[in-house]
Amino acid sequence: MLNLIPEAYKLTGTVSDKALYYADDLRPGTVILFDDTTLSDDLQEVVKSATSSFHEPVEHRTITTERQLRVCSIPERCVWWLAKVENPGDDQVMNRMLTVWIDDSTEQNRAVLEHMKRVEAGMLAGEDDPDVLTCRAIWSIIKEHRISVRIPFAMRIKFSNATNRRNPAMLFDLIKCHAALRFL
């Protein structure tokens, strides 16, 4: 999945707790992948702040060595992918995330192995696969434009009383993203 995203809009690897605030090359809408990483308590606080203020940059104020105030920020609409077998954060972090089920069946494992063998045998296109390049181009185009989307059927959407209050906002964002893709 990460291969489908242009380099300019993805960040992988590990980071220190406040490093993302200082990243000058971090763009709005960047996918930030933490793969099989346990988040420190301080980094969990960063994730919570950035996801709670998804549509706005999240700011961090610090003091320079010259004792001057410096305001650093993580841009808006960054998407956090936390890939870990067990929960990578506390309940408040997970409360802000959509989780996906991974098919770990024997059949899926066989299908993945067959795919890997075809890639290694050169039977599948690599980095220059037209579908991959098309997906990256679409991603770049989407990031260049802010499309205002309204959801005319929003009042008819029903949630259970047990719904996490963050889930409706995430659902509405997903609907808007889908609508924006159709617009393009």
N, C-alpha and C. Protein backbone atom coordinates (compact mmCIF):
# COMPACT_ATOMS: atom_id res chain seq x y z
N MET A 1 0.82 -1.19 0.00
CA MET A 1 0.00 0.00 0.00
C MET A 1 0.87 1.26 0.00
N LEU A 2 1.90 1.23 0.82
CA LEU A 2 2.78 2.40 0.92
C LEU A 2 3.47 2.70 -0.41
N ASN A 3 3.70 1.66 -1.22
CA ASN A 3 4.33 1.83 -2.52
C ASN A 3 3.48 2.68 -3.46
N LEU A 4 2.17 2.78 -3.21
CA LEU A 4 1.28 3.54 -4.07
C LEU A 4 1.32 5.04 -3.80
N ILE A 5 2.00 5.45 -2.75
CA ILE A 5 2.03 6.85 -2.34
C ILE A 5 3.34 7.49 -2.81
N PRO A 6 3.27 8.69 -3.41
CA PRO A 6 4.51 9.36 -3.85
C PRO A 6 5.44 9.62 -2.68
N GLU A 7 6.74 9.58 -2.95
CA GLU A 7 7.75 9.79 -1.91
C GLU A 7 7.51 11.07 -1.11
N ALA A 8 7.08 12.13 -1.77
CA ALA A 8 6.90 13.43 -1.10
C ALA A 8 5.80 13.39 -0.04
N TYR A 9 4.96 12.37 -0.06
CA TYR A 9 3.82 12.30 0.86
C TYR A 9 3.87 11.10 1.79
N LYS A 10 5.06 10.58 2.04
CA LYS A 10 5.17 9.48 2.99
C LYS A 10 6.41 9.63 3.84
N LEU A 11 6.29 9.19 5.08
CA LEU A 11 7.41 9.21 6.02
C LEU A 11 7.39 7.87 6.73
N THR A 12 8.51 7.18 6.71
CA THR A 12 8.62 5.89 7.39
C THR A 12 9.82 5.91 8.31
N GLY A 13 9.92 4.90 9.12
CA GLY A 13 11.05 4.79 10.05
C GLY A 13 10.62 5.18 11.45
N THR A 14 11.59 5.43 12.27
CA THR A 14 11.30 5.81 13.64
C THR A 14 11.62 7.29 13.83
N VAL A 15 11.02 7.88 14.84
CA VAL A 15 11.26 9.29 15.15
C VAL A 15 11.36 9.46 16.66
N SER A 16 12.07 10.47 17.05
CA SER A 16 12.05 10.82 18.48
C SER A 16 10.73 11.52 18.77
N ASP A 17 10.43 11.69 20.02
CA ASP A 17 9.09 12.11 20.44
C ASP A 17 8.58 13.40 19.79
N LYS A 18 9.41 14.40 19.63
CA LYS A 18 8.95 15.70 19.10
C LYS A 18 9.52 15.99 17.71
N ALA A 19 10.21 15.04 17.09
CA ALA A 19 10.90 15.28 15.82
C ALA A 19 9.97 15.75 14.71
N LEU A 20 8.76 15.24 14.66
CA LEU A 20 7.85 15.61 13.57
C LEU A 20 7.49 17.09 13.60
N TYR A 21 7.52 17.71 14.77
CA TYR A 21 7.26 19.15 14.86
C TYR A 21 8.34 19.96 14.13
N TYR A 22 9.54 19.40 14.06
CA TYR A 22 10.68 20.11 13.47
C TYR A 22 10.95 19.73 12.02
N ALA A 23 10.18 18.82 11.47
CA ALA A 23 10.40 18.34 10.10
C ALA A 23 9.92 19.40 9.10
N ASP A 24 10.85 20.09 8.47
CA ASP A 24 10.51 21.16 7.54
C ASP A 24 9.92 20.64 6.24
N ASP A 25 10.15 19.38 5.92
CA ASP A 25 9.67 18.83 4.64
C ASP A 25 8.36 18.05 4.78
N LEU A 26 7.76 18.07 5.94
CA LEU A 26 6.50 17.35 6.16
C LEU A 26 5.36 18.16 5.56
N ARG A 27 4.64 17.57 4.61
CA ARG A 27 3.56 18.26 3.91
C ARG A 27 2.21 17.91 4.49
N PRO A 28 1.22 18.80 4.33
CA PRO A 28 -0.14 18.43 4.72
C PRO A 28 -0.56 17.16 3.98
N GLY A 29 -1.19 16.26 4.69
CA GLY A 29 -1.67 15.03 4.08
C GLY A 29 -0.64 13.92 3.97
N THR A 30 0.50 14.09 4.60
CA THR A 30 1.54 13.06 4.56
C THR A 30 1.07 11.81 5.31
N VAL A 31 1.41 10.65 4.77
CA VAL A 31 1.18 9.38 5.47
C VAL A 31 2.42 9.11 6.31
N ILE A 32 2.20 8.93 7.60
CA ILE A 32 3.29 8.65 8.54
C ILE A 32 3.11 7.21 9.00
N LEU A 33 4.06 6.35 8.63
CA LEU A 33 3.97 4.93 8.96
C LEU A 33 4.91 4.59 10.10
N PHE A 34 4.34 4.05 11.15
CA PHE A 34 5.12 3.45 12.23
C PHE A 34 4.88 1.95 12.13
N ASP A 35 5.88 1.22 11.64
CA ASP A 35 5.73 -0.21 11.39
C ASP A 35 6.33 -1.01 12.54
N ASP A 36 5.47 -1.72 13.23
CA ASP A 36 5.86 -2.60 14.33
C ASP A 36 6.66 -1.85 15.39
N THR A 37 6.18 -0.65 15.71
CA THR A 37 6.83 0.21 16.68
C THR A 37 5.91 0.45 17.87
N THR A 38 6.46 0.38 19.06
CA THR A 38 5.71 0.75 20.24
C THR A 38 5.92 2.25 20.45
N LEU A 39 4.83 2.98 20.56
CA LEU A 39 4.92 4.43 20.72
C LEU A 39 5.20 4.77 22.18
N SER A 40 6.17 5.65 22.40
CA SER A 40 6.43 6.13 23.76
C SER A 40 5.21 6.93 24.23
N ASP A 41 5.13 7.17 25.51
CA ASP A 41 4.02 7.96 26.05
C ASP A 41 3.98 9.35 25.41
N ASP A 42 5.15 9.99 25.24
CA ASP A 42 5.19 11.33 24.65
C ASP A 42 4.78 11.30 23.18
N LEU A 43 5.20 10.28 22.43
CA LEU A 43 4.82 10.19 21.03
C LEU A 43 3.32 9.89 20.90
N GLN A 44 2.77 9.13 21.83
CA GLN A 44 1.32 8.92 21.84
C GLN A 44 0.58 10.25 22.01
N GLU A 45 1.11 11.13 22.83
CA GLU A 45 0.49 12.45 23.01
C GLU A 45 0.54 13.26 21.72
N VAL A 46 1.64 13.15 20.97
CA VAL A 46 1.75 13.83 19.68
C VAL A 46 0.69 13.29 18.73
N VAL A 47 0.56 11.97 18.64
CA VAL A 47 -0.44 11.36 17.76
C VAL A 47 -1.84 11.81 18.16
N LYS A 48 -2.12 11.81 19.45
CA LYS A 48 -3.46 12.24 19.91
C LYS A 48 -3.74 13.69 19.53
N SER A 49 -2.75 14.56 19.71
CA SER A 49 -2.95 15.97 19.36
C SER A 49 -3.16 16.14 17.86
N ALA A 50 -2.34 15.47 17.06
CA ALA A 50 -2.42 15.62 15.61
C ALA A 50 -3.71 15.03 15.04
N THR A 51 -4.21 13.96 15.62
CA THR A 51 -5.43 13.36 15.10
C THR A 51 -6.67 14.07 15.63
N SER A 52 -6.58 14.65 16.80
CA SER A 52 -7.72 15.43 17.32
C SER A 52 -7.91 16.72 16.54
N SER A 53 -6.81 17.26 16.02
CA SER A 53 -6.85 18.49 15.23
C SER A 53 -6.55 18.16 13.78
N PHE A 54 -7.20 17.14 13.24
CA PHE A 54 -6.87 16.60 11.92
C PHE A 54 -6.87 17.65 10.82
N HIS A 55 -7.82 18.58 10.84
CA HIS A 55 -7.95 19.56 9.77
C HIS A 55 -7.13 20.83 10.00
N GLU A 56 -6.42 20.89 11.11
CA GLU A 56 -5.59 22.06 11.44
C GLU A 56 -4.20 21.58 11.83
N PRO A 57 -3.18 22.40 11.57
CA PRO A 57 -1.84 22.04 12.06
C PRO A 57 -1.85 21.98 13.59
N VAL A 58 -1.03 21.15 14.15
CA VAL A 58 -0.90 21.09 15.61
C VAL A 58 0.45 21.71 15.96
N GLU A 59 0.42 22.64 16.90
CA GLU A 59 1.62 23.41 17.23
C GLU A 59 2.27 22.94 18.53
N HIS A 60 3.59 23.15 18.56
CA HIS A 60 4.39 22.86 19.75
C HIS A 60 5.29 24.07 19.99
N ARG A 61 5.25 24.59 21.18
CA ARG A 61 6.08 25.75 21.52
C ARG A 61 7.26 25.28 22.37
N THR A 62 8.44 25.79 22.01
CA THR A 62 9.65 25.41 22.71
C THR A 62 10.55 26.64 22.82
N ILE A 63 11.61 26.51 23.55
CA ILE A 63 12.57 27.60 23.75
C ILE A 63 13.87 27.22 23.04
N THR A 64 14.42 28.14 22.26
CA THR A 64 15.68 27.91 21.58
C THR A 64 16.84 28.05 22.57
N THR A 65 18.05 27.75 22.09
CA THR A 65 19.23 27.90 22.97
C THR A 65 19.46 29.36 23.32
N GLU A 66 18.88 30.28 22.52
CA GLU A 66 18.98 31.72 22.81
C GLU A 66 17.81 32.19 23.68
N ARG A 67 17.08 31.26 24.23
CA ARG A 67 15.92 31.51 25.11
C ARG A 67 14.83 32.31 24.39
N GLN A 68 14.67 32.02 23.10
CA GLN A 68 13.61 32.64 22.32
C GLN A 68 12.52 31.59 22.05
N LEU A 69 11.29 32.06 22.03
CA LEU A 69 10.17 31.15 21.75
C LEU A 69 10.22 30.72 20.29
N ARG A 70 10.06 29.44 20.05
CA ARG A 70 9.96 28.91 18.69
C ARG A 70 8.68 28.07 18.61
N VAL A 71 7.88 28.35 17.59
CA VAL A 71 6.65 27.59 17.37
C VAL A 71 6.90 26.64 16.21
N CYS A 72 6.75 25.36 16.46
CA CYS A 72 6.92 24.32 15.44
C CYS A 72 5.55 23.67 15.23
N SER A 73 5.37 23.04 14.08
CA SER A 73 4.06 22.43 13.87
C SER A 73 4.14 21.18 13.00
N ILE A 74 3.13 20.35 13.18
CA ILE A 74 2.88 19.21 12.29
C ILE A 74 1.71 19.64 11.42
N PRO A 75 1.85 19.53 10.10
CA PRO A 75 0.79 20.04 9.22
C PRO A 75 -0.53 19.28 9.38
N GLU A 76 -1.56 19.88 8.85
CA GLU A 76 -2.90 19.32 8.91
C GLU A 76 -3.03 18.08 8.01
N ARG A 77 -4.04 17.31 8.31
CA ARG A 77 -4.47 16.15 7.53
C ARG A 77 -3.42 15.07 7.36
N CYS A 78 -2.46 14.99 8.26
CA CYS A 78 -1.51 13.88 8.20
C CYS A 78 -2.23 12.61 8.62
N VAL A 79 -1.89 11.53 7.95
CA VAL A 79 -2.54 10.24 8.19
C VAL A 79 -1.53 9.34 8.87
N TRP A 80 -1.95 8.73 9.96
CA TRP A 80 -1.05 7.92 10.78
C TRP A 80 -1.39 6.46 10.57
N TRP A 81 -0.43 5.70 10.04
CA TRP A 81 -0.60 4.26 9.89
C TRP A 81 0.26 3.59 10.95
N LEU A 82 -0.39 2.92 11.87
CA LEU A 82 0.31 2.23 12.95
C LEU A 82 0.15 0.73 12.70
N ALA A 83 1.18 0.10 12.17
CA ALA A 83 1.13 -1.31 11.82
C ALA A 83 1.80 -2.12 12.92
N LYS A 84 0.99 -2.79 13.70
CA LYS A 84 1.51 -3.57 14.82
C LYS A 84 0.48 -4.63 15.17
N VAL A 85 0.93 -5.81 15.54
CA VAL A 85 0.01 -6.90 15.86
C VAL A 85 -0.86 -6.52 17.05
N GLU A 86 -0.24 -6.07 18.13
CA GLU A 86 -1.02 -5.60 19.27
C GLU A 86 -1.16 -4.09 19.18
N ASN A 87 -2.04 -3.52 19.99
CA ASN A 87 -2.26 -2.08 19.94
C ASN A 87 -0.95 -1.33 20.18
N PRO A 88 -0.64 -0.36 19.31
CA PRO A 88 0.61 0.39 19.47
C PRO A 88 0.51 1.50 20.51
N GLY A 89 -0.69 1.78 21.01
CA GLY A 89 -0.86 2.87 21.96
C GLY A 89 -1.92 2.55 22.99
N ASP A 90 -2.22 3.53 23.81
CA ASP A 90 -3.23 3.35 24.84
C ASP A 90 -4.63 3.47 24.24
N ASP A 91 -5.64 3.34 25.08
CA ASP A 91 -7.03 3.39 24.61
C ASP A 91 -7.35 4.72 23.92
N GLN A 92 -6.76 5.81 24.40
CA GLN A 92 -7.05 7.11 23.80
C GLN A 92 -6.45 7.22 22.39
N VAL A 93 -5.31 6.60 22.15
CA VAL A 93 -4.74 6.57 20.80
C VAL A 93 -5.63 5.72 19.91
N MET A 94 -5.99 4.54 20.38
CA MET A 94 -6.79 3.63 19.56
C MET A 94 -8.19 4.19 19.31
N ASN A 95 -8.68 5.01 20.22
CA ASN A 95 -9.97 5.67 20.09
C ASN A 95 -10.00 6.62 18.88
N ARG A 96 -8.84 7.04 18.41
CA ARG A 96 -8.73 7.99 17.30
C ARG A 96 -8.38 7.29 15.99
N MET A 97 -8.34 5.97 16.00
CA MET A 97 -7.89 5.20 14.84
C MET A 97 -9.00 4.33 14.28
N LEU A 98 -8.91 4.09 12.98
CA LEU A 98 -9.70 3.05 12.35
C LEU A 98 -8.79 1.83 12.28
N THR A 99 -9.29 0.70 12.70
CA THR A 99 -8.47 -0.50 12.65
C THR A 99 -8.97 -1.40 11.53
N VAL A 100 -8.06 -2.11 10.93
CA VAL A 100 -8.41 -3.01 9.85
C VAL A 100 -8.08 -4.43 10.25
N TRP A 101 -8.85 -5.34 9.74
CA TRP A 101 -8.62 -6.75 9.97
C TRP A 101 -7.67 -7.26 8.90
N ILE A 102 -6.71 -8.03 9.29
CA ILE A 102 -5.75 -8.61 8.36
C ILE A 102 -6.07 -10.08 8.20
N ASP A 103 -6.21 -10.51 6.97
CA ASP A 103 -6.48 -11.92 6.66
C ASP A 103 -5.20 -12.71 6.85
N ASP A 104 -5.14 -13.51 7.90
CA ASP A 104 -3.95 -14.33 8.14
C ASP A 104 -4.25 -15.81 7.94
N SER A 105 -5.23 -16.08 7.07
CA SER A 105 -5.60 -17.46 6.80
C SER A 105 -4.52 -18.16 5.99
N THR A 106 -4.56 -19.48 6.00
CA THR A 106 -3.62 -20.28 5.21
C THR A 106 -3.74 -19.95 3.74
N GLU A 107 -4.97 -19.76 3.25
CA GLU A 107 -5.19 -19.44 1.84
C GLU A 107 -4.54 -18.10 1.47
N GLN A 108 -4.70 -17.10 2.33
CA GLN A 108 -4.10 -15.80 2.06
C GLN A 108 -2.58 -15.88 2.12
N ASN A 109 -2.04 -16.64 3.06
CA ASN A 109 -0.59 -16.82 3.14
C ASN A 109 -0.05 -17.45 1.86
N ARG A 110 -0.79 -18.45 1.32
CA ARG A 110 -0.39 -19.07 0.05
C ARG A 110 -0.44 -18.06 -1.09
N ALA A 111 -1.50 -17.24 -1.13
CA ALA A 111 -1.64 -16.24 -2.20
C ALA A 111 -0.51 -15.21 -2.13
N VAL A 112 -0.13 -14.79 -0.93
CA VAL A 112 0.97 -13.84 -0.77
C VAL A 112 2.27 -14.47 -1.23
N LEU A 113 2.50 -15.73 -0.86
CA LEU A 113 3.72 -16.43 -1.29
C LEU A 113 3.77 -16.52 -2.82
N GLU A 114 2.66 -16.87 -3.46
CA GLU A 114 2.62 -16.95 -4.92
C GLU A 114 2.91 -15.60 -5.56
N HIS A 115 2.36 -14.54 -4.97
CA HIS A 115 2.62 -13.19 -5.47
C HIS A 115 4.12 -12.86 -5.35
N MET A 116 4.69 -13.16 -4.21
CA MET A 116 6.11 -12.88 -3.99
C MET A 116 6.98 -13.65 -4.99
N LYS A 117 6.61 -14.89 -5.27
CA LYS A 117 7.38 -15.69 -6.23
C LYS A 117 7.27 -15.09 -7.63
N ARG A 118 6.08 -14.61 -8.01
CA ARG A 118 5.92 -13.98 -9.33
C ARG A 118 6.75 -12.69 -9.43
N VAL A 119 6.79 -11.92 -8.35
CA VAL A 119 7.61 -10.70 -8.34
C VAL A 119 9.08 -11.07 -8.52
N GLU A 120 9.56 -12.04 -7.76
CA GLU A 120 10.96 -12.43 -7.82
C GLU A 120 11.33 -13.05 -9.16
N ALA A 121 10.36 -13.69 -9.81
CA ALA A 121 10.62 -14.30 -11.11
C ALA A 121 10.54 -13.27 -12.24
N GLY A 122 10.20 -12.03 -11.90
CA GLY A 122 10.11 -10.99 -12.91
C GLY A 122 8.83 -11.04 -13.72
N MET A 123 7.83 -11.75 -13.22
CA MET A 123 6.56 -11.90 -13.94
C MET A 123 5.61 -10.72 -13.70
N LEU A 124 5.92 -9.89 -12.72
CA LEU A 124 5.09 -8.72 -12.42
C LEU A 124 5.93 -7.47 -12.56
N ALA A 125 5.29 -6.40 -12.97
CA ALA A 125 5.98 -5.12 -13.12
C ALA A 125 6.42 -4.62 -11.75
N GLY A 126 7.48 -3.86 -11.73
CA GLY A 126 7.99 -3.34 -10.47
C GLY A 126 7.59 -1.90 -10.26
N GLU A 127 8.58 -1.06 -9.91
CA GLU A 127 8.33 0.35 -9.62
C GLU A 127 7.70 1.11 -10.78
N ASP A 128 7.93 0.64 -12.02
CA ASP A 128 7.38 1.34 -13.17
C ASP A 128 6.03 0.76 -13.62
N ASP A 129 5.41 -0.02 -12.76
CA ASP A 129 4.09 -0.56 -13.06
C ASP A 129 3.14 0.60 -13.34
N PRO A 130 2.46 0.62 -14.50
CA PRO A 130 1.58 1.74 -14.84
C PRO A 130 0.49 1.97 -13.79
N ASP A 131 -0.01 0.92 -13.16
CA ASP A 131 -1.04 1.10 -12.13
C ASP A 131 -0.49 1.82 -10.91
N VAL A 132 0.74 1.47 -10.54
CA VAL A 132 1.38 2.13 -9.39
C VAL A 132 1.64 3.60 -9.72
N LEU A 133 2.16 3.86 -10.90
CA LEU A 133 2.44 5.24 -11.31
C LEU A 133 1.16 6.06 -11.40
N THR A 134 0.08 5.44 -11.88
CA THR A 134 -1.20 6.14 -11.95
C THR A 134 -1.70 6.48 -10.56
N CYS A 135 -1.59 5.54 -9.64
CA CYS A 135 -2.04 5.79 -8.26
C CYS A 135 -1.24 6.93 -7.64
N ARG A 136 0.06 6.93 -7.84
CA ARG A 136 0.89 8.02 -7.30
C ARG A 136 0.50 9.37 -7.90
N ALA A 137 0.21 9.37 -9.21
CA ALA A 137 -0.19 10.62 -9.88
C ALA A 137 -1.52 11.12 -9.32
N ILE A 138 -2.47 10.21 -9.12
CA ILE A 138 -3.77 10.60 -8.55
C ILE A 138 -3.56 11.19 -7.16
N TRP A 139 -2.74 10.52 -6.35
CA TRP A 139 -2.47 11.00 -4.99
C TRP A 139 -1.90 12.42 -5.04
N SER A 140 -0.94 12.66 -5.94
CA SER A 140 -0.33 13.99 -6.05
C SER A 140 -1.34 15.04 -6.48
N ILE A 141 -2.21 14.69 -7.43
CA ILE A 141 -3.25 15.64 -7.89
C ILE A 141 -4.20 15.98 -6.76
N ILE A 142 -4.62 14.98 -6.02
CA ILE A 142 -5.54 15.21 -4.90
C ILE A 142 -4.91 16.16 -3.88
N LYS A 143 -3.63 15.99 -3.63
CA LYS A 143 -2.96 16.82 -2.63
C LYS A 143 -2.79 18.27 -3.09
N GLU A 144 -2.84 18.52 -4.39
CA GLU A 144 -2.69 19.87 -4.91
C GLU A 144 -3.96 20.70 -4.78
N HIS A 145 -5.10 20.06 -4.58
CA HIS A 145 -6.39 20.76 -4.58
C HIS A 145 -7.13 20.51 -3.27
N ARG A 146 -7.78 21.54 -2.80
CA ARG A 146 -8.70 21.40 -1.68
C ARG A 146 -10.10 21.46 -2.27
N ILE A 147 -10.81 20.37 -2.19
CA ILE A 147 -12.15 20.29 -2.75
C ILE A 147 -13.14 20.30 -1.59
N SER A 148 -14.05 21.24 -1.62
CA SER A 148 -15.07 21.32 -0.58
C SER A 148 -16.19 20.33 -0.93
N VAL A 149 -16.50 19.47 0.00
CA VAL A 149 -17.52 18.44 -0.22
C VAL A 149 -18.55 18.55 0.89
N ARG A 150 -19.82 18.53 0.51
CA ARG A 150 -20.87 18.45 1.51
C ARG A 150 -21.54 17.09 1.36
N ILE A 151 -22.14 16.62 2.42
CA ILE A 151 -22.77 15.30 2.42
C ILE A 151 -24.27 15.50 2.58
N PRO A 152 -25.01 15.53 1.47
CA PRO A 152 -26.44 15.85 1.55
C PRO A 152 -27.26 14.86 2.36
N PHE A 153 -26.78 13.64 2.50
CA PHE A 153 -27.52 12.62 3.25
C PHE A 153 -27.03 12.48 4.69
N ALA A 154 -26.20 13.42 5.16
CA ALA A 154 -25.61 13.32 6.50
C ALA A 154 -26.65 13.19 7.60
N MET A 155 -27.76 13.87 7.47
CA MET A 155 -28.78 13.82 8.53
C MET A 155 -29.45 12.46 8.63
N ARG A 156 -29.34 11.64 7.59
CA ARG A 156 -29.97 10.32 7.59
C ARG A 156 -29.05 9.22 8.10
N ILE A 157 -27.79 9.55 8.36
CA ILE A 157 -26.84 8.55 8.85
C ILE A 157 -27.14 8.30 10.32
N LYS A 158 -27.22 7.04 10.68
CA LYS A 158 -27.53 6.65 12.06
C LYS A 158 -26.33 5.95 12.68
N PHE A 159 -26.12 6.24 13.95
CA PHE A 159 -25.08 5.60 14.72
C PHE A 159 -25.71 5.01 15.97
N SER A 160 -25.11 3.97 16.50
CA SER A 160 -25.62 3.41 17.75
C SER A 160 -25.24 4.33 18.90
N ASN A 161 -25.93 4.17 20.01
CA ASN A 161 -25.63 4.98 21.19
C ASN A 161 -24.22 4.70 21.72
N ALA A 162 -23.71 3.51 21.39
CA ALA A 162 -22.39 3.12 21.88
C ALA A 162 -21.26 3.63 20.99
N THR A 163 -21.60 4.36 19.94
CA THR A 163 -20.58 4.83 19.00
C THR A 163 -19.60 5.78 19.68
N ASN A 164 -18.35 5.54 19.44
CA ASN A 164 -17.30 6.45 19.89
C ASN A 164 -17.56 7.80 19.22
N ARG A 165 -17.54 8.88 19.96
CA ARG A 165 -17.89 10.19 19.39
C ARG A 165 -16.93 10.65 18.30
N ARG A 166 -15.77 10.03 18.19
CA ARG A 166 -14.84 10.39 17.12
C ARG A 166 -15.19 9.68 15.80
N ASN A 167 -15.90 8.56 15.88
CA ASN A 167 -16.20 7.78 14.68
C ASN A 167 -17.01 8.54 13.63
N PRO A 168 -18.03 9.32 14.00
CA PRO A 168 -18.76 10.05 12.95
C PRO A 168 -17.86 10.98 12.16
N ALA A 169 -16.96 11.69 12.82
CA ALA A 169 -16.06 12.60 12.10
C ALA A 169 -15.16 11.82 11.15
N MET A 170 -14.67 10.65 11.58
CA MET A 170 -13.84 9.83 10.70
C MET A 170 -14.66 9.32 9.52
N LEU A 171 -15.88 8.90 9.77
CA LEU A 171 -16.75 8.44 8.68
C LEU A 171 -16.99 9.57 7.68
N PHE A 172 -17.32 10.75 8.17
CA PHE A 172 -17.58 11.88 7.28
C PHE A 172 -16.33 12.22 6.46
N ASP A 173 -15.15 12.16 7.07
CA ASP A 173 -13.91 12.41 6.34
C ASP A 173 -13.71 11.37 5.24
N LEU A 174 -14.02 10.10 5.53
CA LEU A 174 -13.88 9.05 4.52
C LEU A 174 -14.85 9.28 3.36
N ILE A 175 -16.09 9.66 3.67
CA ILE A 175 -17.07 9.94 2.62
C ILE A 175 -16.60 11.10 1.75
N LYS A 176 -16.09 12.15 2.39
CA LYS A 176 -15.61 13.32 1.64
C LYS A 176 -14.42 12.95 0.76
N CYS A 177 -13.53 12.12 1.27
CA CYS A 177 -12.37 11.70 0.48
C CYS A 177 -12.84 10.91 -0.74
N HIS A 178 -13.76 10.01 -0.54
CA HIS A 178 -14.30 9.22 -1.66
C HIS A 178 -14.97 10.14 -2.69
N ALA A 179 -15.74 11.09 -2.22
CA ALA A 179 -16.41 12.02 -3.12
C ALA A 179 -15.40 12.87 -3.89
N ALA A 180 -14.35 13.29 -3.21
CA ALA A 180 -13.31 14.09 -3.88
C ALA A 180 -12.63 13.28 -4.98
N LEU A 181 -12.38 12.00 -4.72
CA LEU A 181 -11.77 11.14 -5.73
C LEU A 181 -12.68 11.01 -6.96
N ARG A 182 -13.96 10.89 -6.72
CA ARG A 182 -14.91 10.77 -7.84
C ARG A 182 -14.96 12.08 -8.63
N PHE A 183 -14.80 13.20 -7.94
CA PHE A 183 -14.82 14.52 -8.59
C PHE A 183 -13.66 14.66 -9.57
N LEU A 184 -12.50 14.13 -9.16
CA LEU A 184 -11.31 14.25 -10.00
C LEU A 184 -11.44 13.31 -11.17
